[in-house]
Amino acid sequence: MNGKTTALIGGLALLCLIIGGMVGSRMKVDNNISARTVADYLHAVIEADRTFYTQHIVERMEDMLIVPVSEKWREEQGLPLPVQFLRESSESLRALDAPFRYRLVSLWPLNSQNAPISPEEKDALEQVVKNGDVVEMEVMLDGQRYFKAIYPDRAVSRACVSCHNAHTEAPKRDFRLNDVVGGLVIQIPLE
């Protein structure tokens, strides 16, 4: 597969997340809809797009030996890893000035950018990993109150498991399919 086809596939997948983000960016938190409900909606869109990308693009391209999936996807003209796909789409939404934020975190990050940003976030993430349930809280960020929810991030495909277990920087190497490997943090402004 040539670079144009790879770019087209990646562009289509990114478009799915951007459309979901644009819909979510127009949602306002008010008395009629709770911040948790808005976060649940955003989580559903993000997870559906990411799962589709992982199972139907990443795995198929690798199985057919068409295009590599790599941490160095730009240099190698490959596809981004699912975590990179999520990070790129989140940064694209920030550029559009979306009022919400999202990112992946892990107690065993392969990339230091995905480590918890505070002791409170680490404690909450430990609860998510232990119980497999959403943990929610209010936080102050840049002088503004946010609703913050951390959803369990599960290894939804064999690609997730093999990447996390085989990575040279992996602090944990015994993940199985459907294990909680971290959390998806969604933050929504309350004001």
C-alpha atoms as a PDB file:
ATOM      1  CA  MET A   1       0.000   0.000   0.000  1.00  0.00           C
ATOM      2  CA  ASN A   2       1.310   3.426  -0.847  1.00  0.00           C
ATOM      3  CA  GLY A   3       1.509   6.509   1.361  1.00  0.00           C
ATOM      4  CA  LYS A   4      -1.661   8.015  -0.120  1.00  0.00           C
ATOM      5  CA  THR A   5      -3.764   4.986   0.848  1.00  0.00           C
ATOM      6  CA  THR A   6      -2.274   4.946   4.338  1.00  0.00           C
ATOM      7  CA  ALA A   7      -3.004   8.638   4.734  1.00  0.00           C
ATOM      8  CA  LEU A   8      -6.570   8.113   3.509  1.00  0.00           C
ATOM      9  CA  ILE A   9      -7.243   5.331   6.012  1.00  0.00           C
ATOM     10  CA  GLY A  10      -5.703   7.323   8.858  1.00  0.00           C
ATOM     11  CA  GLY A  11      -7.591  10.431   7.783  1.00  0.00           C
ATOM     12  CA  LEU A  12     -10.926   8.601   7.747  1.00  0.00           C
ATOM     13  CA  ALA A  13     -10.335   7.197  11.210  1.00  0.00           C
ATOM     14  CA  LEU A  14      -9.332  10.625  12.545  1.00  0.00           C
ATOM     15  CA  LEU A  15     -12.412  12.159  10.913  1.00  0.00           C
ATOM     16  CA  CYS A  16     -14.633   9.815  12.953  1.00  0.00           C
ATOM     17  CA  LEU A  17     -13.145  11.098  16.206  1.00  0.00           C
ATOM     18  CA  ILE A  18     -13.267  14.723  15.110  1.00  0.00           C
ATOM     19  CA  ILE A  19     -16.954  14.468  14.182  1.00  0.00           C
ATOM     20  CA  GLY A  20     -17.704  12.914  17.555  1.00  0.00           C
ATOM     21  CA  GLY A  21     -15.681  15.633  19.235  1.00  0.00           C
ATOM     22  CA  MET A  22     -17.440  18.409  17.344  1.00  0.00           C
ATOM     23  CA  VAL A  23     -20.805  17.032  18.406  1.00  0.00           C
ATOM     24  CA  GLY A  24     -19.563  16.818  21.980  1.00  0.00           C
ATOM     25  CA  SER A  25     -18.025  20.285  21.875  1.00  0.00           C
ATOM     26  CA  ARG A  26     -21.433  21.792  21.215  1.00  0.00           C
ATOM     27  CA  MET A  27     -22.955  20.090  24.262  1.00  0.00           C
ATOM     28  CA  LYS A  28     -23.390  22.393  27.211  1.00  0.00           C
ATOM     29  CA  VAL A  29     -23.475  21.151  30.780  1.00  0.00           C
ATOM     30  CA  ASP A  30     -26.553  22.637  32.415  1.00  0.00           C
ATOM     31  CA  ASN A  31     -29.200  21.643  34.928  1.00  0.00           C
ATOM     32  CA  ASN A  32     -30.924  19.348  32.456  1.00  0.00           C
ATOM     33  CA  ILE A  33     -28.000  17.039  31.735  1.00  0.00           C
ATOM     34  CA  SER A  34     -25.370  15.975  34.215  1.00  0.00           C
ATOM     35  CA  ALA A  35     -21.665  16.247  33.549  1.00  0.00           C
ATOM     36  CA  ARG A  36     -21.465  12.467  34.075  1.00  0.00           C
ATOM     37  CA  THR A  37     -24.021  11.918  31.301  1.00  0.00           C
ATOM     38  CA  VAL A  38     -22.058  14.153  28.924  1.00  0.00           C
ATOM     39  CA  ALA A  39     -18.858  12.274  29.864  1.00  0.00           C
ATOM     40  CA  ASP A  40     -20.634   8.951  29.272  1.00  0.00           C
ATOM     41  CA  TYR A  41     -21.703  10.112  25.792  1.00  0.00           C
ATOM     42  CA  LEU A  42     -18.192  11.251  24.933  1.00  0.00           C
ATOM     43  CA  HIS A  43     -16.735   8.027  26.300  1.00  0.00           C
ATOM     44  CA  ALA A  44     -19.094   5.963  24.144  1.00  0.00           C
ATOM     45  CA  VAL A  45     -18.050   7.821  20.965  1.00  0.00           C
ATOM     46  CA  ILE A  46     -14.324   7.734  21.782  1.00  0.00           C
ATOM     47  CA  GLU A  47     -14.365   4.034  22.672  1.00  0.00           C
ATOM     48  CA  ALA A  48     -16.431   3.032  19.645  1.00  0.00           C
ATOM     49  CA  ASP A  49     -14.087   4.877  17.280  1.00  0.00           C
ATOM     50  CA  ARG A  50     -10.962   3.574  18.986  1.00  0.00           C
ATOM     51  CA  THR A  51     -12.188  -0.017  19.104  1.00  0.00           C
ATOM     52  CA  PHE A  52     -13.166   0.140  15.430  1.00  0.00           C
ATOM     53  CA  TYR A  53      -9.765   1.606  14.541  1.00  0.00           C
ATOM     54  CA  THR A  54      -7.933  -1.076  16.529  1.00  0.00           C
ATOM     55  CA  GLN A  55      -9.920  -4.079  15.335  1.00  0.00           C
ATOM     56  CA  HIS A  56     -10.766  -3.166  11.757  1.00  0.00           C
ATOM     57  CA  ILE A  57      -7.851  -1.019  10.640  1.00  0.00           C
ATOM     58  CA  VAL A  58      -4.796  -1.799  12.773  1.00  0.00           C
ATOM     59  CA  GLU A  59      -5.307  -5.561  12.959  1.00  0.00           C
ATOM     60  CA  ARG A  60      -6.359  -5.941   9.318  1.00  0.00           C
ATOM     61  CA  MET A  61      -3.463  -3.919   7.979  1.00  0.00           C
ATOM     62  CA  GLU A  62      -1.003  -5.905  10.095  1.00  0.00           C
ATOM     63  CA  ASP A  63      -2.561  -9.270   9.213  1.00  0.00           C
ATOM     64  CA  MET A  64      -2.387  -8.509   5.501  1.00  0.00           C
ATOM     65  CA  LEU A  65       1.155  -7.113   5.870  1.00  0.00           C
ATOM     66  CA  ILE A  66       0.003  -3.989   4.043  1.00  0.00           C
ATOM     67  CA  VAL A  67       1.201  -1.248   6.350  1.00  0.00           C
ATOM     68  CA  PRO A  68       3.043  -1.335   9.668  1.00  0.00           C
ATOM     69  CA  VAL A  69       1.595  -0.003  12.897  1.00  0.00           C
ATOM     70  CA  SER A  70       4.379   1.752  14.721  1.00  0.00           C
ATOM     71  CA  GLU A  71       5.311   4.252  17.381  1.00  0.00           C
ATOM     72  CA  LYS A  72       7.319   5.960  14.633  1.00  0.00           C
ATOM     73  CA  TRP A  73       4.379   5.940  12.230  1.00  0.00           C
ATOM     74  CA  ARG A  74       5.192   9.301  10.670  1.00  0.00           C
ATOM     75  CA  GLU A  75       8.773   8.383   9.805  1.00  0.00           C
ATOM     76  CA  GLU A  76       7.848   4.856   8.682  1.00  0.00           C
ATOM     77  CA  GLN A  77       4.716   5.942   6.773  1.00  0.00           C
ATOM     78  CA  GLY A  78       2.667   3.535   8.830  1.00  0.00           C
ATOM     79  CA  LEU A  79      -0.391   3.721  11.014  1.00  0.00           C
ATOM     80  CA  PRO A  80      -0.340   5.224  14.505  1.00  0.00           C
ATOM     81  CA  LEU A  81      -0.813   2.938  17.476  1.00  0.00           C
ATOM     82  CA  PRO A  82      -4.318   3.204  18.979  1.00  0.00           C
ATOM     83  CA  VAL A  83      -2.965   5.292  21.878  1.00  0.00           C
ATOM     84  CA  GLN A  84      -1.311   7.666  19.403  1.00  0.00           C
ATOM     85  CA  PHE A  85      -4.518   7.826  17.373  1.00  0.00           C
ATOM     86  CA  LEU A  86      -6.381   8.914  20.509  1.00  0.00           C
ATOM     87  CA  ARG A  87      -3.712  11.460  21.465  1.00  0.00           C
ATOM     88  CA  GLU A  88      -3.654  12.956  17.954  1.00  0.00           C
ATOM     89  CA  SER A  89      -7.439  13.285  17.848  1.00  0.00           C
ATOM     90  CA  SER A  90      -7.502  14.856  21.316  1.00  0.00           C
ATOM     91  CA  GLU A  91      -4.881  17.401  20.268  1.00  0.00           C
ATOM     92  CA  SER A  92      -6.865  18.140  17.097  1.00  0.00           C
ATOM     93  CA  LEU A  93      -9.912  18.930  19.225  1.00  0.00           C
ATOM     94  CA  ARG A  94      -7.858  21.232  21.434  1.00  0.00           C
ATOM     95  CA  ALA A  95      -6.891  23.142  18.315  1.00  0.00           C
ATOM     96  CA  LEU A  96     -10.621  23.517  17.603  1.00  0.00           C
ATOM     97  CA  ASP A  97     -11.018  24.911  21.146  1.00  0.00           C
ATOM     98  CA  ALA A  98     -13.341  22.114  22.294  1.00  0.00           C
ATOM     99  CA  PRO A  99     -14.401  22.699  25.912  1.00  0.00           C
ATOM    100  CA  PHE A 100     -13.619  19.158  27.047  1.00  0.00           C
ATOM    101  CA  ARG A 101     -10.378  17.201  27.305  1.00  0.00           C
ATOM    102  CA  TYR A 102      -9.505  13.541  27.201  1.00  0.00           C
ATOM    103  CA  ARG A 103      -6.401  11.387  27.410  1.00  0.00           C
ATOM    104  CA  LEU A 104      -5.184   7.940  28.362  1.00  0.00           C
ATOM    105  CA  VAL A 105      -3.363   7.205  31.615  1.00  0.00           C
ATOM    106  CA  SER A 106      -1.788   4.063  32.986  1.00  0.00           C
ATOM    107  CA  LEU A 107      -0.121   2.833  36.139  1.00  0.00           C
ATOM    108  CA  TRP A 108       2.291   1.065  33.740  1.00  0.00           C
ATOM    109  CA  PRO A 109       2.774   3.661  30.972  1.00  0.00           C
ATOM    110  CA  LEU A 110       4.860   2.775  27.939  1.00  0.00           C
ATOM    111  CA  ASN A 111       5.243   6.530  27.399  1.00  0.00           C
ATOM    112  CA  SER A 112       5.742   8.925  30.314  1.00  0.00           C
ATOM    113  CA  GLN A 113       3.064  11.238  28.813  1.00  0.00           C
ATOM    114  CA  ASN A 114       0.507   8.633  29.879  1.00  0.00           C
ATOM    115  CA  ALA A 115       1.412   8.571  33.575  1.00  0.00           C
ATOM    116  CA  PRO A 116      -1.025   9.995  36.167  1.00  0.00           C
ATOM    117  CA  ILE A 117      -0.488  13.744  36.596  1.00  0.00           C
ATOM    118  CA  SER A 118      -1.106  13.893  40.355  1.00  0.00           C
ATOM    119  CA  PRO A 119      -1.241  11.656  43.424  1.00  0.00           C
ATOM    120  CA  GLU A 120      -5.045  12.039  43.398  1.00  0.00           C
ATOM    121  CA  GLU A 121      -5.249  10.883  39.797  1.00  0.00           C
ATOM    122  CA  LYS A 122      -2.969   7.929  40.582  1.00  0.00           C
ATOM    123  CA  ASP A 123      -5.183   6.920  43.525  1.00  0.00           C
ATOM    124  CA  ALA A 124      -8.308   7.181  41.368  1.00  0.00           C
ATOM    125  CA  LEU A 125      -6.669   5.158  38.598  1.00  0.00           C
ATOM    126  CA  GLU A 126      -5.714   2.452  41.091  1.00  0.00           C
ATOM    127  CA  GLN A 127      -9.408   2.191  42.013  1.00  0.00           C
ATOM    128  CA  VAL A 128     -10.387   1.974  38.315  1.00  0.00           C
ATOM    129  CA  VAL A 129      -7.871  -0.829  37.719  1.00  0.00           C
ATOM    130  CA  LYS A 130      -8.825  -2.683  40.905  1.00  0.00           C
ATOM    131  CA  ASN A 131     -12.623  -2.483  40.516  1.00  0.00           C
ATOM    132  CA  GLY A 132     -13.103  -1.928  36.783  1.00  0.00           C
ATOM    133  CA  ASP A 133     -15.565   0.894  37.506  1.00  0.00           C
ATOM    134  CA  VAL A 134     -15.613   4.585  36.588  1.00  0.00           C
ATOM    135  CA  VAL A 135     -14.215   6.966  39.192  1.00  0.00           C
ATOM    136  CA  GLU A 136     -15.448  10.557  39.108  1.00  0.00           C
ATOM    137  CA  MET A 137     -14.424  13.752  40.876  1.00  0.00           C
ATOM    138  CA  GLU A 138     -14.259  17.526  40.573  1.00  0.00           C
ATOM    139  CA  VAL A 139     -10.889  19.167  39.934  1.00  0.00           C
ATOM    140  CA  MET A 140      -9.531  22.669  39.391  1.00  0.00           C
ATOM    141  CA  LEU A 141      -7.609  23.162  36.163  1.00  0.00           C
ATOM    142  CA  ASP A 142      -6.266  26.525  35.066  1.00  0.00           C
ATOM    143  CA  GLY A 143      -8.555  28.234  37.592  1.00  0.00           C
ATOM    144  CA  GLN A 144     -11.682  26.484  36.298  1.00  0.00           C
ATOM    145  CA  ARG A 145     -13.760  23.696  37.849  1.00  0.00           C
ATOM    146  CA  TYR A 146     -13.962  20.480  35.839  1.00  0.00           C
ATOM    147  CA  PHE A 147     -15.872  17.265  36.202  1.00  0.00           C
ATOM    148  CA  LYS A 148     -13.330  14.483  35.740  1.00  0.00           C
ATOM    149  CA  ALA A 149     -14.185  10.853  35.081  1.00  0.00           C
ATOM    150  CA  ILE A 150     -11.700   8.018  34.638  1.00  0.00           C
ATOM    151  CA  TYR A 151     -13.112   5.085  32.689  1.00  0.00           C
ATOM    152  CA  PRO A 152     -11.446   1.672  32.596  1.00  0.00           C
ATOM    153  CA  ASP A 153      -9.371   1.253  29.437  1.00  0.00           C
ATOM    154  CA  ARG A 154      -9.398  -2.406  28.477  1.00  0.00           C
ATOM    155  CA  ALA A 155      -7.225  -4.387  26.106  1.00  0.00           C
ATOM    156  CA  VAL A 156      -9.914  -4.888  23.443  1.00  0.00           C
ATOM    157  CA  SER A 157      -7.822  -6.810  20.931  1.00  0.00           C
ATOM    158  CA  ARG A 158      -4.814  -9.060  20.626  1.00  0.00           C
ATOM    159  CA  ALA A 159      -2.902  -6.056  19.226  1.00  0.00           C
ATOM    160  CA  CYS A 160      -3.327  -4.227  22.558  1.00  0.00           C
ATOM    161  CA  VAL A 161      -2.140  -7.215  24.570  1.00  0.00           C
ATOM    162  CA  SER A 162       0.841  -8.043  22.370  1.00  0.00           C
ATOM    163  CA  CYS A 163       2.004  -4.418  22.203  1.00  0.00           C
ATOM    164  CA  HIS A 164       1.828  -3.860  25.956  1.00  0.00           C
ATOM    165  CA  ASN A 165       3.439  -7.195  26.812  1.00  0.00           C
ATOM    166  CA  ALA A 166       6.227  -7.051  24.212  1.00  0.00           C
ATOM    167  CA  HIS A 167       7.206  -3.372  24.387  1.00  0.00           C
ATOM    168  CA  THR A 168      10.825  -2.829  25.443  1.00  0.00           C
ATOM    169  CA  GLU A 169       9.745  -0.170  27.983  1.00  0.00           C
ATOM    170  CA  ALA A 170       6.864  -2.235  29.442  1.00  0.00           C
ATOM    171  CA  PRO A 171       6.891  -2.244  33.252  1.00  0.00           C
ATOM    172  CA  LYS A 172       4.189  -4.966  33.214  1.00  0.00           C
ATOM    173  CA  ARG A 173       4.141  -7.837  30.716  1.00  0.00           C
ATOM    174  CA  ASP A 174       1.299 -10.146  31.696  1.00  0.00           C
ATOM    175  CA  PHE A 175      -1.801  -8.452  30.268  1.00  0.00           C
ATOM    176  CA  ARG A 176      -4.564 -10.607  28.816  1.00  0.00           C
ATOM    177  CA  LEU A 177      -7.487  -9.769  26.572  1.00  0.00           C
ATOM    178  CA  ASN A 178     -10.051  -7.512  28.356  1.00  0.00           C
ATOM    179  CA  ASP A 179      -7.673  -6.650  31.220  1.00  0.00           C
ATOM    180  CA  VAL A 180      -7.778  -3.036  32.404  1.00  0.00           C
ATOM    181  CA  VAL A 181      -4.480  -1.582  31.175  1.00  0.00           C
ATOM    182  CA  GLY A 182      -5.211   1.969  32.272  1.00  0.00           C
ATOM    183  CA  GLY A 183      -7.891   4.607  32.158  1.00  0.00           C
ATOM    184  CA  LEU A 184      -9.494   7.049  29.755  1.00  0.00           C
ATOM    185  CA  VAL A 185      -9.722  10.433  31.490  1.00  0.00           C
ATOM    186  CA  ILE A 186     -12.496  12.763  30.345  1.00  0.00           C
ATOM    187  CA  GLN A 187     -12.708  16.299  31.761  1.00  0.00           C
ATOM    188  CA  ILE A 188     -15.672  18.613  31.192  1.00  0.00           C
ATOM    189  CA  PRO A 189     -15.863  22.223  32.404  1.00  0.00           C
ATOM    190  CA  LEU A 190     -18.559  22.838  34.994  1.00  0.00           C
ATOM    191  CA  GLU A 191     -18.807  26.595  34.492  1.00  0.00           C
END
